[in-house]
Amino acid sequence: MNIKPIRNDDDLRATFKRLENVFQAQEGTVAADEMEILVTLIEAYEHKHYPINAADPIEAIKFRMEQQGLTQKDLEPFIGSSGRVSEVLNNKRRLSLQMVKRLHDGLHIPYESLLSGA
């Protein structure tokens, strides 16, 4: 096992190529240990160089609406009146903590997405 740090995207591609060779390794083998180390290195490099930010709260709501075929009217139990739903979806009103909790509990939108940028 000859493992080196991932310093650039070429190293990343080479590490992925090596990972393909050991990915199905039998647990408890040297190859399985190598696979775990390679995955950790890849995750660390990608986290540092290609971070994934939490979704915008309104985009998260719109995404869930699209997924579940919901209308603005369907959001009223979670946000309030139709006017308030419209204000929230058009970024004219911020989500309150109570709205966040109801959206999380009712539509299972992650708190991280609903509270990002808050």
Protein backbone atom coordinates (compact mmCIF):
# COMPACT_ATOMS: atom_id res chain seq x y z
CA MET A 1 0.00 0.00 0.00
CA ASN A 2 1.59 3.26 -1.18
CA ILE A 3 -0.74 6.11 -0.23
CA LYS A 4 0.10 9.75 -0.90
CA PRO A 5 -1.72 12.99 -0.10
CA ILE A 6 -4.14 14.41 -2.65
CA ARG A 7 -2.71 17.81 -3.62
CA ASN A 8 -4.53 18.57 -6.88
CA ASP A 9 -7.21 17.28 -9.24
CA ASP A 10 -4.76 15.00 -11.04
CA ASP A 11 -3.97 13.32 -7.72
CA LEU A 12 -7.71 13.11 -7.08
CA ARG A 13 -8.34 11.32 -10.39
CA ALA A 14 -5.48 8.91 -9.70
CA THR A 15 -6.86 8.20 -6.23
CA PHE A 16 -10.31 7.49 -7.65
CA LYS A 17 -8.74 5.13 -10.18
CA ARG A 18 -6.96 3.25 -7.38
CA LEU A 19 -10.16 3.24 -5.32
CA GLU A 20 -11.98 1.46 -8.16
CA ASN A 21 -9.50 -1.42 -7.79
CA VAL A 22 -10.04 -1.90 -4.05
CA PHE A 23 -13.63 -0.73 -3.61
CA GLN A 24 -15.13 -4.22 -3.28
CA ALA A 25 -12.35 -5.49 -1.00
CA GLN A 26 -13.18 -8.12 1.60
CA GLU A 27 -13.51 -6.58 5.08
CA GLY A 28 -10.49 -7.12 7.28
CA THR A 29 -8.01 -7.24 4.41
CA VAL A 30 -5.19 -4.83 3.59
CA ALA A 31 -7.14 -3.79 0.49
CA ALA A 32 -10.17 -2.91 2.63
CA ASP A 33 -7.96 -0.80 4.89
CA GLU A 34 -6.58 0.94 1.82
CA MET A 35 -10.12 1.57 0.55
CA GLU A 36 -11.10 3.24 3.84
CA ILE A 37 -8.01 5.46 3.78
CA LEU A 38 -8.57 6.45 0.15
CA VAL A 39 -12.22 7.34 0.81
CA THR A 40 -11.17 9.50 3.76
CA LEU A 41 -8.55 11.30 1.66
CA ILE A 42 -11.02 11.89 -1.18
CA GLU A 43 -13.69 13.21 1.18
CA ALA A 44 -11.21 15.58 2.84
CA TYR A 45 -9.95 16.92 -0.49
CA GLU A 46 -13.46 17.39 -1.91
CA HIS A 47 -14.71 19.03 1.28
CA LYS A 48 -11.86 21.53 1.13
CA HIS A 49 -11.85 22.23 -2.62
CA TYR A 50 -15.46 21.56 -3.64
CA PRO A 51 -17.67 22.43 -0.66
CA ILE A 52 -21.40 21.95 -0.99
CA ASN A 53 -23.28 24.77 0.66
CA ALA A 54 -26.69 24.34 2.20
CA ALA A 55 -29.59 25.16 -0.10
CA ASP A 56 -31.24 28.55 0.02
CA PRO A 57 -34.34 28.17 2.26
CA ILE A 58 -36.76 29.33 -0.44
CA GLU A 59 -35.13 27.08 -3.04
CA ALA A 60 -35.41 24.17 -0.59
CA ILE A 61 -39.14 24.86 -0.17
CA LYS A 62 -39.68 25.17 -3.93
CA PHE A 63 -37.73 21.96 -4.50
CA ARG A 64 -39.95 20.10 -2.02
CA MET A 65 -43.05 21.61 -3.64
CA GLU A 66 -41.89 20.30 -7.01
CA GLN A 67 -41.02 16.87 -5.59
CA GLN A 68 -44.43 16.45 -3.99
CA GLY A 69 -46.52 18.33 -6.55
CA LEU A 70 -47.56 20.94 -3.99
CA THR A 71 -49.11 24.32 -4.68
CA GLN A 72 -48.75 27.54 -2.72
CA LYS A 73 -52.12 26.75 -1.13
CA ASP A 74 -50.64 23.50 0.24
CA LEU A 75 -48.05 25.56 2.14
CA GLU A 76 -50.63 27.56 4.10
CA PRO A 77 -50.73 25.14 7.07
CA PHE A 78 -46.97 25.55 7.43
CA ILE A 79 -46.47 29.25 6.63
CA GLY A 80 -49.82 31.00 7.07
CA SER A 81 -52.22 32.88 4.81
CA SER A 82 -51.90 32.83 1.03
CA GLY A 83 -50.46 36.35 1.16
CA ARG A 84 -47.82 35.29 3.64
CA VAL A 85 -46.91 32.22 1.53
CA SER A 86 -46.50 34.48 -1.48
CA GLU A 87 -44.33 36.93 0.48
CA VAL A 88 -42.08 34.12 1.70
CA LEU A 89 -41.72 32.49 -1.72
CA ASN A 90 -40.88 35.88 -3.27
CA ASN A 91 -38.28 36.68 -0.59
CA LYS A 92 -40.32 39.58 0.77
CA ARG A 93 -40.73 37.96 4.19
CA ARG A 94 -38.29 35.83 6.14
CA LEU A 95 -39.25 32.49 7.62
CA SER A 96 -40.04 32.62 11.32
CA LEU A 97 -38.77 29.89 13.62
CA GLN A 98 -42.33 28.60 13.93
CA MET A 99 -42.62 28.35 10.13
CA VAL A 100 -39.25 26.56 9.99
CA LYS A 101 -40.39 24.02 12.57
CA ARG A 102 -43.70 23.38 10.79
CA LEU A 103 -42.00 23.03 7.38
CA HIS A 104 -39.46 20.63 8.86
CA ASP A 105 -42.05 18.55 10.71
CA GLY A 106 -44.66 18.57 7.94
CA LEU A 107 -42.62 18.46 4.75
CA HIS A 108 -39.38 16.99 6.15
CA ILE A 109 -37.22 19.80 4.80
CA PRO A 110 -33.90 19.69 6.68
CA TYR A 111 -33.36 22.38 9.30
CA GLU A 112 -29.96 23.08 7.75
CA SER A 113 -31.63 24.15 4.51
CA LEU A 114 -34.39 26.16 6.15
CA LEU A 115 -32.00 28.03 8.44
CA SER A 116 -29.17 28.67 6.00
CA GLY A 117 -28.61 32.37 5.51
CA ALA A 118 -30.78 33.14 8.53
